[in-house]
Amino acid sequence: MLRTRNEAPFRAGQLGAHGKLILVTLVGGSAALLYGLVAGHQPLLAFVALLIVGGLLTMIAWPDAATLAVLFILYTNAAVVAVQVHGVPFIVGASAPLLLVLPLAHYVIIRREPIVWLPTFWVVLAFFFVNLLGAFFSTNPAVSFSKVVTLAVEGVGLYFLLVNAVRSPQMLRYAVWTLLAAGTFLGTLSLYQQVTRSFDNDFWGFAQVSQAAFGTGVETVYGEVEQPRLGGPMGQQNRYAQIMLMLFPLGLFRFWGERSHLLRLVALGCTLIIVTGMALTFSRGAAVGLGLVVGLMTFMRYIKVRQLLLIVMSMVLVLQLVPQYAVRLSSLTVAFTGVFADPDTEGVAGADGAVQSRLTEGLAAALIFADYPVLGVGPGMYKYYYQPYAQRVSIRVLPGTREPHTLYLGVAAENGLLGLFALGVVLLMTMWPLDRVRRLWADRDPDRAALAAGFLFAVVAYLASGLFLHFAYIRYFWLIMALAGVAGRTDWPNSEHTPINRQF
C-alpha cells in the first residue's frame, strides 16, 4: 500500500513536538534523580551538574544554542582555563567544539538540509595539505605533525562546523552578540582588576596577569613603580590584545547597524569595555593595529571627520585616566625613531630592546625563507632554526628558541611560497565577498551590509596585528574567518529563519 505524504514514517522537523518532549523528560528526570543523590554530599558538584544538564536541555530544545555556547567558550578560552586552572580532564576541554555537531545533525539529519560547502573551504583544505606536506620534509616530523593536528582541529574542523552551524542572518547576529558578550566579560574583569589593583587575583583564570611589566617613570622610596600588563584568559598580553582588537569593528558596526536604540547603546558600551580591556594589555602592536583600522574606516567614510575627532578626544581621555599607557606609547615613538634614525646616528642600536629582538627574529625568518622558498622548514620549526640565522643578522640575539613575531614572515619561513599563496587566497576569497556584500546591500539592507563590513574590518584587524605577532592561537583566526565566510554569502534568502544552504 502506498503511503501518502502525511503518512511518511519520518519527515524533516517532525521530531519537534514529540521527540523533543520525550528527550527533555528523560534528561530532566535523570538530572533530578542525579541531583538528589549528589546534592547532599557535594553541593558544588551538584550545582555544576545542574548547569550542564540545563545547558543540554536548552540545546535539545534549541540546537543553535550549542553554536553560541561554543563561540563563548572558545573566545573566553574557557575550555583551556578549565583544564589548566581548574583541573578538568583534557579530553573534556578539548571536546567542547564538538557541541557544534548537535546543530549540524539537526540541520542535516532532522531537517534534511544539505551540508554547506563554501568555496573558500577547499582553499583552507589546500593550506592544510601544504602544512601536511611540509611536515613530511621537516627535520623533526614529531613537532611538525603536532602542528598539523592542531590545524586540522582548530582550523579545518572548526571552520567546517561553524559554516554549517550558522545558517541564517539572524544566527550570525546572535553569533556577533555572543562574541561581544565574551569580550565584554573579559574586558570588565580587566577593568576591575586595574581599578582595584587586584593583580594577585586571576578571577578563576579569566584575568591572568602577564609576567611582563614596564616602568611608569614614577619613583618612590622603593624604586620605580611598575605597571603589570593584563593577559586575560591566556596570560599572554599581546594575544589578549589581538582577540579584543578583532571585536572592536564588530561592536562598532553593531552600534551602527542595530535598529533598536537600546541595542545600539548596549553595542557602544560593549565596544568601549572591549577597547579598555585591550588598552590594559599596554600592547603597542594593538595600538598600531587600532590606528590602522580606524584610519581605514575613515578612508572608507564609515567614520566621519567629526567622529574621528571624537575618537581622538576619547583616546586622549584614556591616556589621562591611564597615564601608564602614555608612557608605553611614548616608548613606541622612541623605538620607531631609533629604527628609522639618520644613518649618522646610532640608528637601530638606539632602538627599543624589544624592537631590536623582533627585528632580528623577522630578518632571521626572511633568511630562512630565502634558503627554503618552496615549503619552508616545516610547521613549528622556525624556533629550532632561530639561533644560527639570528647570528647572521646579529642585531639582538636572545638565548634559547624564539618565534618570528610576524605572521607573514613566519608563514613564509615555515610554509614557504606554497603556504603564503594558499593563505593569501583564503584571505582574498573571504574579504572580496565581504566587500561585495557590503557594497551590494548598503542601501537595500544596511544591517546586512553592516554585518559584512564588521567582519571585513575584523579580518583587517587581525592582519594589522599580524605585523607584530606570529601565527599562534589559530582557533581565534579560523573562528573569525568562518563567520566572515558566512557573512560574505551573496545568496542569503530574505527570510531570517531560512537556512543558508545554497551554493554560489
Protein backbone atom coordinates (compact mmCIF):
# COMPACT_ATOMS: atom_id res chain seq x y z
CA MET A 1 0.00 0.00 0.00
CA LEU A 2 1.32 3.41 -0.93
CA ARG A 3 1.80 5.95 1.82
CA THR A 4 0.57 9.49 1.46
CA ARG A 5 2.89 12.40 2.21
CA ASN A 6 1.36 12.86 5.68
CA GLU A 7 1.79 9.14 6.48
CA ALA A 8 5.53 9.14 5.90
CA PRO A 9 7.26 7.45 8.83
CA PHE A 10 9.78 10.28 9.30
CA ARG A 11 9.92 13.78 7.93
CA ALA A 12 12.33 16.67 8.49
CA GLY A 13 11.31 18.71 11.50
CA GLN A 14 8.78 16.08 12.74
CA LEU A 15 10.82 15.46 15.87
CA GLY A 16 9.98 18.95 17.08
CA ALA A 17 6.82 18.32 19.09
CA HIS A 18 7.03 14.75 20.40
CA GLY A 19 10.67 13.78 20.16
CA LYS A 20 11.95 16.85 21.99
CA LEU A 21 9.32 16.38 24.71
CA ILE A 22 10.44 12.77 25.26
CA LEU A 23 14.13 13.74 25.30
CA VAL A 24 13.56 16.63 27.68
CA THR A 25 11.52 14.41 30.00
CA LEU A 26 14.16 11.67 30.06
CA VAL A 27 17.08 14.04 30.56
CA GLY A 28 15.17 16.13 33.10
CA GLY A 29 14.09 13.10 35.12
CA SER A 30 17.60 11.67 35.14
CA ALA A 31 19.00 15.07 36.17
CA ALA A 32 16.54 15.37 39.04
CA LEU A 33 17.48 11.90 40.30
CA LEU A 34 21.22 12.62 39.98
CA TYR A 35 20.85 15.99 41.68
CA GLY A 36 19.03 14.42 44.60
CA LEU A 37 21.72 11.79 45.06
CA VAL A 38 24.67 14.17 44.83
CA ALA A 39 23.38 17.38 46.46
CA GLY A 40 23.52 16.05 49.99
CA HIS A 41 27.21 15.14 49.78
CA GLN A 42 28.77 17.54 47.23
CA PRO A 43 26.62 20.66 46.71
CA LEU A 44 29.12 22.36 44.36
CA LEU A 45 29.32 19.30 42.11
CA ALA A 46 25.54 19.09 42.11
CA PHE A 47 25.28 22.77 41.10
CA VAL A 48 27.74 22.31 38.22
CA ALA A 49 25.90 19.20 37.10
CA LEU A 50 22.64 21.14 37.20
CA LEU A 51 24.13 23.86 34.97
CA ILE A 52 25.39 21.26 32.49
CA VAL A 53 22.07 19.46 32.34
CA GLY A 54 20.23 22.77 31.98
CA GLY A 55 22.50 23.62 29.07
CA LEU A 56 21.85 20.24 27.45
CA LEU A 57 18.09 20.71 27.79
CA THR A 58 18.38 24.13 26.18
CA MET A 59 20.41 22.69 23.30
CA ILE A 60 17.87 19.94 22.75
CA ALA A 61 15.05 22.47 22.61
CA TRP A 62 17.10 24.94 20.53
CA PRO A 63 20.16 23.30 18.88
CA ASP A 64 21.53 26.68 17.79
CA ALA A 65 22.24 27.37 21.46
CA ALA A 66 25.12 24.91 21.16
CA THR A 67 26.70 27.14 18.49
CA LEU A 68 26.51 30.20 20.72
CA ALA A 69 27.85 28.23 23.69
CA VAL A 70 30.86 27.07 21.67
CA LEU A 71 31.57 30.61 20.46
CA PHE A 72 31.53 31.92 24.04
CA ILE A 73 33.66 29.04 25.33
CA LEU A 74 36.25 29.44 22.58
CA TYR A 75 36.53 33.21 22.72
CA THR A 76 36.84 33.35 26.51
CA ASN A 77 39.31 30.44 26.35
CA ALA A 78 37.09 28.80 28.96
CA ALA A 79 37.93 25.24 27.93
CA VAL A 80 41.69 25.84 28.27
CA VAL A 81 41.19 27.69 31.56
CA ALA A 82 39.10 24.79 32.88
CA VAL A 83 41.88 22.32 32.04
CA GLN A 84 44.91 24.37 33.11
CA VAL A 85 43.48 26.19 36.13
CA HIS A 86 40.68 24.01 37.45
CA GLY A 87 42.00 20.55 36.68
CA VAL A 88 39.26 19.49 34.27
CA PRO A 89 40.36 16.44 32.23
CA PHE A 90 41.95 17.43 28.92
CA ILE A 91 39.55 15.30 26.89
CA VAL A 92 36.60 17.23 28.36
CA GLY A 93 38.05 20.63 27.47
CA ALA A 94 39.20 19.54 24.02
CA SER A 95 35.77 18.15 23.15
CA ALA A 96 33.92 21.43 23.73
CA PRO A 97 33.85 22.36 20.00
CA LEU A 98 32.17 19.00 19.30
CA LEU A 99 28.97 20.56 20.60
CA LEU A 100 28.74 22.03 17.09
CA VAL A 101 27.86 18.53 15.89
CA LEU A 102 24.44 18.97 17.54
CA PRO A 103 23.22 21.85 15.31
CA LEU A 104 24.90 20.18 12.31
CA ALA A 105 22.95 16.98 12.96
CA HIS A 106 19.77 19.00 13.50
CA TYR A 107 20.07 20.66 10.08
CA VAL A 108 21.36 17.69 8.09
CA ILE A 109 19.57 14.73 9.70
CA ILE A 110 16.39 16.17 11.22
CA ARG A 111 15.65 18.94 8.73
CA ARG A 112 17.22 17.09 5.80
CA GLU A 113 19.20 20.07 4.58
CA PRO A 114 22.42 19.66 2.58
CA ILE A 115 25.86 20.25 4.01
CA VAL A 116 27.22 23.73 3.28
CA TRP A 117 30.41 23.74 1.23
CA LEU A 118 31.78 27.26 0.96
CA PRO A 119 34.23 27.62 -1.95
CA THR A 120 36.80 29.03 0.50
CA PHE A 121 36.74 25.76 2.46
CA TRP A 122 38.60 23.96 -0.32
CA VAL A 123 41.40 26.52 -0.16
CA VAL A 124 41.51 26.13 3.63
CA LEU A 125 41.92 22.42 2.96
CA ALA A 126 44.70 23.20 0.48
CA PHE A 127 46.53 25.24 3.14
CA PHE A 128 46.21 22.23 5.45
CA PHE A 129 47.74 19.92 2.84
CA VAL A 130 50.64 22.33 2.31
CA ASN A 131 51.34 22.08 6.06
CA LEU A 132 50.99 18.30 5.90
CA LEU A 133 53.45 18.10 3.00
CA GLY A 134 55.86 20.37 4.84
CA ALA A 135 55.67 18.11 7.90
CA PHE A 136 56.84 15.13 5.82
CA PHE A 137 60.01 17.01 4.83
CA SER A 138 60.59 18.51 8.29
CA THR A 139 63.78 17.67 10.18
CA ASN A 140 61.60 17.00 13.22
CA PRO A 141 58.36 15.40 11.98
CA ALA A 142 57.01 14.88 15.50
CA VAL A 143 56.92 18.63 16.16
CA SER A 144 55.57 19.46 12.72
CA PHE A 145 52.83 16.81 12.77
CA SER A 146 51.61 18.10 16.15
CA LYS A 147 51.13 21.50 14.49
CA VAL A 148 49.32 19.82 11.59
CA VAL A 149 46.94 18.10 14.01
CA THR A 150 46.24 21.46 15.67
CA LEU A 151 45.50 22.98 12.26
CA ALA A 152 43.19 20.06 11.42
CA VAL A 153 41.17 20.50 14.63
CA GLU A 154 41.30 24.25 15.29
CA GLY A 155 41.42 25.24 11.64
CA VAL A 156 39.77 22.93 9.11
CA GLY A 157 37.41 21.21 11.57
CA LEU A 158 36.29 24.37 13.32
CA TYR A 159 35.81 26.19 10.02
CA PHE A 160 33.67 23.40 8.57
CA LEU A 161 31.48 23.04 11.67
CA LEU A 162 30.88 26.77 12.07
CA VAL A 163 29.88 27.46 8.47
CA ASN A 164 27.40 24.60 8.79
CA ALA A 165 26.08 25.68 12.19
CA VAL A 166 25.47 29.36 11.33
CA ARG A 167 22.88 29.19 8.54
CA SER A 168 20.82 32.35 8.78
CA PRO A 169 21.36 36.10 9.10
CA GLN A 170 19.68 36.04 12.49
CA MET A 171 22.07 33.35 13.76
CA LEU A 172 25.00 35.40 12.51
CA ARG A 173 23.72 38.37 14.52
CA TYR A 174 23.40 36.14 17.57
CA ALA A 175 26.95 34.96 16.96
CA VAL A 176 28.27 38.54 16.86
CA TRP A 177 26.44 39.42 20.05
CA THR A 178 27.85 36.31 21.71
CA LEU A 179 31.38 37.35 20.79
CA LEU A 180 30.71 40.85 22.10
CA ALA A 181 29.37 39.35 25.34
CA ALA A 182 32.56 37.29 25.66
CA GLY A 183 34.75 40.35 25.06
CA THR A 184 32.71 42.45 27.50
CA PHE A 185 33.04 39.77 30.16
CA LEU A 186 36.83 39.68 29.76
CA GLY A 187 37.15 43.46 29.48
CA THR A 188 35.08 44.02 32.62
CA LEU A 189 37.34 41.70 34.61
CA SER A 190 40.43 43.51 33.32
CA LEU A 191 38.97 46.92 34.13
CA TYR A 192 38.03 45.83 37.66
CA GLN A 193 41.47 44.29 38.08
CA GLN A 194 43.19 47.54 37.12
CA VAL A 195 40.92 49.83 39.15
CA THR A 196 41.16 47.73 42.31
CA ARG A 197 44.84 46.84 41.72
CA SER A 198 43.91 43.21 42.41
CA PHE A 199 46.65 41.79 40.21
CA ASP A 200 47.10 38.81 42.51
CA ASN A 201 43.57 37.63 41.70
CA ASP A 202 43.17 35.93 38.31
CA PHE A 203 39.36 35.70 38.68
CA TRP A 204 39.02 31.96 38.07
CA GLY A 205 41.71 32.10 35.39
CA PHE A 206 39.94 34.61 33.13
CA ALA A 207 42.05 37.62 34.18
CA GLN A 208 45.62 36.41 34.32
CA VAL A 209 48.49 38.86 34.64
CA SER A 210 51.40 38.60 32.25
CA GLN A 211 54.93 38.20 33.55
CA ALA A 212 55.86 41.29 31.55
CA ALA A 213 55.77 44.69 33.27
CA PHE A 214 57.19 48.09 32.45
CA GLY A 215 58.38 51.12 34.35
CA THR A 216 55.98 54.05 34.60
CA GLY A 217 58.61 56.71 35.26
CA VAL A 218 57.21 57.31 38.75
CA GLU A 219 59.82 56.95 41.50
CA THR A 220 59.13 56.12 45.15
CA VAL A 221 61.35 55.28 48.08
CA TYR A 222 61.06 51.65 46.97
CA GLY A 223 62.19 52.39 43.41
CA GLU A 224 60.38 52.86 40.10
CA VAL A 225 56.70 51.93 40.04
CA GLU A 226 55.98 49.19 37.55
CA GLN A 227 52.71 48.60 35.70
CA PRO A 228 51.64 44.97 35.24
CA ARG A 229 50.31 44.04 31.81
CA LEU A 230 47.00 42.19 31.83
CA GLY A 231 46.87 38.94 29.88
CA GLY A 232 43.20 37.97 30.07
CA PRO A 233 42.32 34.26 29.89
CA MET A 234 45.55 33.33 28.10
CA GLY A 235 48.11 35.09 30.28
CA GLN A 236 49.60 36.49 27.05
CA GLN A 237 49.13 40.24 26.89
CA ASN A 238 49.69 40.62 23.14
CA ARG A 239 47.40 37.73 22.21
CA TYR A 240 44.71 39.04 24.53
CA ALA A 241 45.02 42.44 22.88
CA GLN A 242 44.74 40.82 19.44
CA ILE A 243 41.47 38.99 20.12
CA MET A 244 39.97 42.10 21.71
CA LEU A 245 41.07 44.23 18.75
CA MET A 246 39.14 41.95 16.36
CA LEU A 247 35.95 42.60 18.35
CA PHE A 248 36.27 46.39 18.05
CA PRO A 249 34.86 46.66 14.48
CA LEU A 250 32.16 44.06 15.21
CA GLY A 251 30.91 46.15 18.13
CA LEU A 252 31.15 49.40 16.21
CA PHE A 253 29.14 48.07 13.28
CA ARG A 254 26.51 46.63 15.64
CA PHE A 255 26.23 50.15 17.04
CA TRP A 256 25.70 51.47 13.53
CA GLY A 257 23.60 48.56 12.27
CA GLU A 258 21.08 47.83 15.03
CA ARG A 259 17.66 49.40 14.66
CA SER A 260 16.83 49.38 18.36
CA HIS A 261 18.20 52.40 20.26
CA LEU A 262 18.69 50.19 23.32
CA LEU A 263 20.76 47.63 21.40
CA ARG A 264 22.81 50.42 19.87
CA LEU A 265 23.65 51.75 23.33
CA VAL A 266 24.49 48.23 24.52
CA ALA A 267 26.76 47.72 21.49
CA LEU A 268 28.53 51.01 22.18
CA GLY A 269 29.01 50.11 25.84
CA CYS A 270 30.39 46.68 24.92
CA THR A 271 32.78 48.25 22.42
CA LEU A 272 34.13 50.73 24.96
CA ILE A 273 34.71 48.00 27.54
CA ILE A 274 36.40 45.80 24.94
CA VAL A 275 38.74 48.62 23.87
CA THR A 276 39.51 49.33 27.53
CA GLY A 277 40.42 45.69 28.07
CA MET A 278 42.67 45.86 25.02
CA ALA A 279 44.31 49.06 26.27
CA LEU A 280 45.11 47.49 29.65
CA THR A 281 47.38 44.99 27.93
CA PHE A 282 49.55 48.00 27.06
CA SER A 283 50.28 46.34 23.73
CA ARG A 284 51.97 48.74 21.33
CA GLY A 285 51.21 46.47 18.38
CA ALA A 286 47.50 46.53 19.21
CA ALA A 287 47.62 50.33 19.40
CA VAL A 288 49.15 50.44 15.91
CA GLY A 289 46.54 47.96 14.68
CA LEU A 290 43.71 50.02 16.14
CA GLY A 291 45.09 53.12 14.45
CA LEU A 292 45.25 51.32 11.10
CA VAL A 293 41.67 50.04 11.43
CA VAL A 294 40.32 53.46 12.41
CA GLY A 295 42.31 55.07 9.61
CA LEU A 296 40.91 52.63 7.02
CA MET A 297 37.38 53.16 8.33
CA THR A 298 37.88 56.91 7.95
CA PHE A 299 39.26 56.48 4.44
CA MET A 300 36.22 54.36 3.50
CA ARG A 301 33.95 57.04 5.04
CA TYR A 302 32.49 54.89 7.78
CA ILE A 303 33.96 57.32 10.27
CA LYS A 304 33.35 60.99 9.55
CA VAL A 305 35.90 63.65 10.38
CA ARG A 306 33.93 64.92 13.39
CA GLN A 307 33.60 61.33 14.63
CA LEU A 308 37.33 60.87 14.19
CA LEU A 309 37.91 63.96 16.32
CA LEU A 310 35.62 62.45 18.95
CA ILE A 311 37.62 59.21 18.87
CA VAL A 312 40.87 61.14 19.23
CA MET A 313 39.44 63.07 22.20
CA SER A 314 38.34 59.77 23.76
CA MET A 315 41.85 58.39 23.33
CA VAL A 316 43.31 61.47 24.98
CA LEU A 317 40.91 60.98 27.87
CA VAL A 318 42.02 57.34 28.19
CA LEU A 319 45.65 58.48 28.30
CA GLN A 320 44.75 60.91 31.08
CA LEU A 321 42.93 58.22 33.07
CA VAL A 322 45.64 55.63 32.44
CA PRO A 323 48.88 57.62 32.24
CA GLN A 324 50.86 54.37 32.17
CA TYR A 325 49.56 53.83 28.63
CA ALA A 326 51.00 57.18 27.56
CA VAL A 327 54.39 56.06 28.89
CA ARG A 328 54.09 52.80 26.97
CA LEU A 329 53.16 54.53 23.71
CA SER A 330 55.98 57.02 24.10
CA SER A 331 58.39 54.09 24.10
CA LEU A 332 56.87 53.09 20.74
CA THR A 333 57.81 56.52 19.37
CA VAL A 334 61.36 56.12 20.64
CA ALA A 335 61.52 52.64 19.11
CA PHE A 336 60.48 53.74 15.64
CA THR A 337 62.69 56.84 15.67
CA GLY A 338 65.57 54.54 16.59
CA VAL A 339 64.89 52.18 13.69
CA PHE A 340 64.38 54.95 11.13
CA ALA A 341 67.04 57.24 12.52
CA ASP A 342 69.50 59.15 10.40
CA PRO A 343 72.39 56.96 9.25
CA ASP A 344 74.84 59.23 11.05
CA THR A 345 73.17 58.46 14.38
CA GLU A 346 73.18 55.18 16.27
CA GLY A 347 70.12 54.00 14.26
CA VAL A 348 68.89 50.52 15.14
CA ALA A 349 71.34 50.36 18.04
CA GLY A 350 69.36 53.12 19.70
CA ALA A 351 66.01 51.41 19.27
CA ASP A 352 64.00 49.75 21.99
CA GLY A 353 65.35 46.32 23.02
CA ALA A 354 62.09 44.59 22.11
CA VAL A 355 62.16 46.18 18.66
CA GLN A 356 65.76 45.05 18.17
CA SER A 357 64.97 41.45 19.10
CA ARG A 358 61.83 41.34 16.95
CA LEU A 359 63.70 42.85 14.03
CA THR A 360 66.28 40.11 14.45
CA GLU A 361 63.59 37.43 14.54
CA GLY A 362 61.86 38.81 11.47
CA LEU A 363 65.05 39.07 9.44
CA ALA A 364 66.01 35.55 10.53
CA ALA A 365 62.65 34.35 9.19
CA ALA A 366 63.35 36.13 5.90
CA LEU A 367 66.74 34.41 5.61
CA ILE A 368 65.15 31.03 6.35
CA PHE A 369 62.57 31.67 3.63
CA ALA A 370 65.35 32.57 1.20
CA ASP A 371 67.01 29.20 1.86
CA TYR A 372 63.77 27.16 1.89
CA PRO A 373 61.48 29.03 -0.51
CA VAL A 374 59.03 26.32 -1.61
CA LEU A 375 57.76 24.55 1.53
CA GLY A 376 59.75 26.30 4.24
CA VAL A 377 61.32 24.41 7.12
CA GLY A 378 58.07 22.82 8.24
CA PRO A 379 55.24 23.73 10.65
CA GLY A 380 56.50 24.73 14.08
CA MET A 381 60.15 24.50 13.07
CA TYR A 382 61.20 28.18 12.96
CA LYS A 383 62.25 28.25 16.60
CA TYR A 384 64.79 25.48 16.01
CA TYR A 385 66.37 27.43 13.15
CA TYR A 386 66.37 30.74 15.01
CA GLN A 387 69.83 30.69 16.59
CA PRO A 388 72.03 30.11 13.50
CA TYR A 389 70.05 32.53 11.35
CA ALA A 390 69.78 35.16 14.09
CA GLN A 391 73.56 35.05 14.47
CA ARG A 392 73.78 36.02 10.81
CA VAL A 393 71.53 39.02 11.46
CA SER A 394 73.29 39.79 14.74
CA ILE A 395 71.27 42.80 15.92
CA ARG A 396 69.98 41.42 19.22
CA VAL A 397 70.11 37.66 19.56
CA LEU A 398 68.26 36.26 22.56
CA PRO A 399 69.18 32.89 24.09
CA GLY A 400 67.08 29.78 23.50
CA THR A 401 64.30 29.35 20.98
CA ARG A 402 62.21 32.24 19.69
CA GLU A 403 59.21 32.84 17.42
CA PRO A 404 59.24 35.05 14.31
CA HIS A 405 56.79 37.57 15.84
CA THR A 406 55.29 38.39 12.47
CA LEU A 407 52.55 36.45 10.73
CA TYR A 408 53.80 36.94 7.19
CA LEU A 409 57.49 36.13 7.56
CA GLY A 410 56.60 33.33 9.97
CA VAL A 411 54.35 31.61 7.43
CA ALA A 412 56.97 32.20 4.74
CA ALA A 413 59.70 30.58 6.85
CA GLU A 414 57.64 27.55 7.92
CA ASN A 415 55.36 27.01 4.88
CA GLY A 416 57.21 28.67 2.02
CA LEU A 417 55.68 30.15 -1.11
CA LEU A 418 53.01 27.44 -1.26
CA GLY A 419 51.81 28.25 2.25
CA LEU A 420 51.87 32.00 1.65
CA PHE A 421 49.92 31.58 -1.59
CA ALA A 422 47.27 29.29 -0.05
CA LEU A 423 46.76 31.53 2.99
CA GLY A 424 46.64 34.60 0.74
CA VAL A 425 43.93 33.01 -1.41
CA VAL A 426 41.93 32.12 1.72
CA LEU A 427 42.08 35.76 2.80
CA LEU A 428 41.24 37.05 -0.69
CA MET A 429 38.28 34.66 -1.10
CA THR A 430 36.97 35.77 2.30
CA MET A 431 37.48 39.52 2.07
CA TRP A 432 36.40 40.01 -1.55
CA PRO A 433 32.84 38.64 -0.98
CA LEU A 434 32.58 40.66 2.24
CA ASP A 435 33.36 43.83 0.33
CA ARG A 436 30.90 42.83 -2.38
CA VAL A 437 28.10 42.21 0.15
CA ARG A 438 28.96 45.47 1.88
CA ARG A 439 28.50 47.38 -1.36
CA LEU A 440 25.54 45.37 -2.66
CA TRP A 441 23.35 45.79 0.42
CA ALA A 442 24.48 49.24 1.57
CA ASP A 443 21.18 50.86 0.51
CA ARG A 444 18.75 47.91 0.38
CA ASP A 445 19.64 46.24 3.70
CA PRO A 446 22.05 48.32 5.81
CA ASP A 447 22.10 45.77 8.62
CA ARG A 448 23.26 43.00 6.30
CA ALA A 449 25.89 45.35 4.90
CA ALA A 450 26.98 46.24 8.45
CA LEU A 451 27.49 42.56 9.29
CA ALA A 452 29.71 42.10 6.26
CA ALA A 453 31.65 45.30 6.93
CA GLY A 454 32.15 44.36 10.58
CA PHE A 455 33.77 41.05 9.68
CA LEU A 456 35.78 42.67 6.89
CA PHE A 457 37.40 45.03 9.38
CA ALA A 458 37.75 42.24 11.97
CA VAL A 459 39.92 40.35 9.45
CA VAL A 460 41.82 43.58 8.73
CA ALA A 461 42.38 43.98 12.49
CA TYR A 462 43.91 40.51 12.67
CA LEU A 463 46.13 41.20 9.67
CA ALA A 464 47.26 44.50 11.19
CA SER A 465 48.18 42.87 14.49
CA GLY A 466 49.85 40.10 12.47
CA LEU A 467 52.57 42.59 11.61
CA PHE A 468 53.87 42.03 15.14
CA LEU A 469 52.58 38.55 16.07
CA HIS A 470 53.22 35.14 14.56
CA PHE A 471 50.55 32.60 13.62
CA ALA A 472 49.53 31.11 17.00
CA TYR A 473 46.26 30.61 18.91
CA ILE A 474 44.89 29.88 15.46
CA ARG A 475 41.39 28.95 16.67
CA TYR A 476 40.60 32.67 17.03
CA PHE A 477 41.68 33.35 13.45
CA TRP A 478 39.71 30.47 11.95
CA LEU A 479 36.66 31.25 14.08
CA ILE A 480 36.51 34.80 12.70
CA MET A 481 37.29 33.57 9.18
CA ALA A 482 34.45 31.03 9.30
CA LEU A 483 31.91 33.61 10.43
CA ALA A 484 33.29 36.05 7.87
CA GLY A 485 32.77 33.39 5.22
CA VAL A 486 29.12 33.11 6.24
CA ALA A 487 28.71 36.91 6.27
CA GLY A 488 30.12 37.05 2.74
CA ARG A 489 27.39 34.88 1.24
CA THR A 490 25.60 36.73 -1.55
CA ASP A 491 22.70 34.30 -1.80
CA TRP A 492 21.13 34.77 1.60
CA PRO A 493 17.36 34.33 1.44
CA ASN A 494 15.10 37.15 2.54
CA SER A 495 13.64 35.17 5.44
CA GLU A 496 15.78 35.41 8.56
CA HIS A 497 14.81 31.88 9.57
CA THR A 498 15.57 30.19 6.25
CA PRO A 499 18.93 28.38 6.35
CA ILE A 500 21.78 29.34 4.09
CA ASN A 501 22.47 26.17 2.15
CA ARG A 502 22.69 27.14 -1.49
CA GLN A 503 25.90 27.40 -3.43
CA PHE A 504 27.37 30.48 -5.08
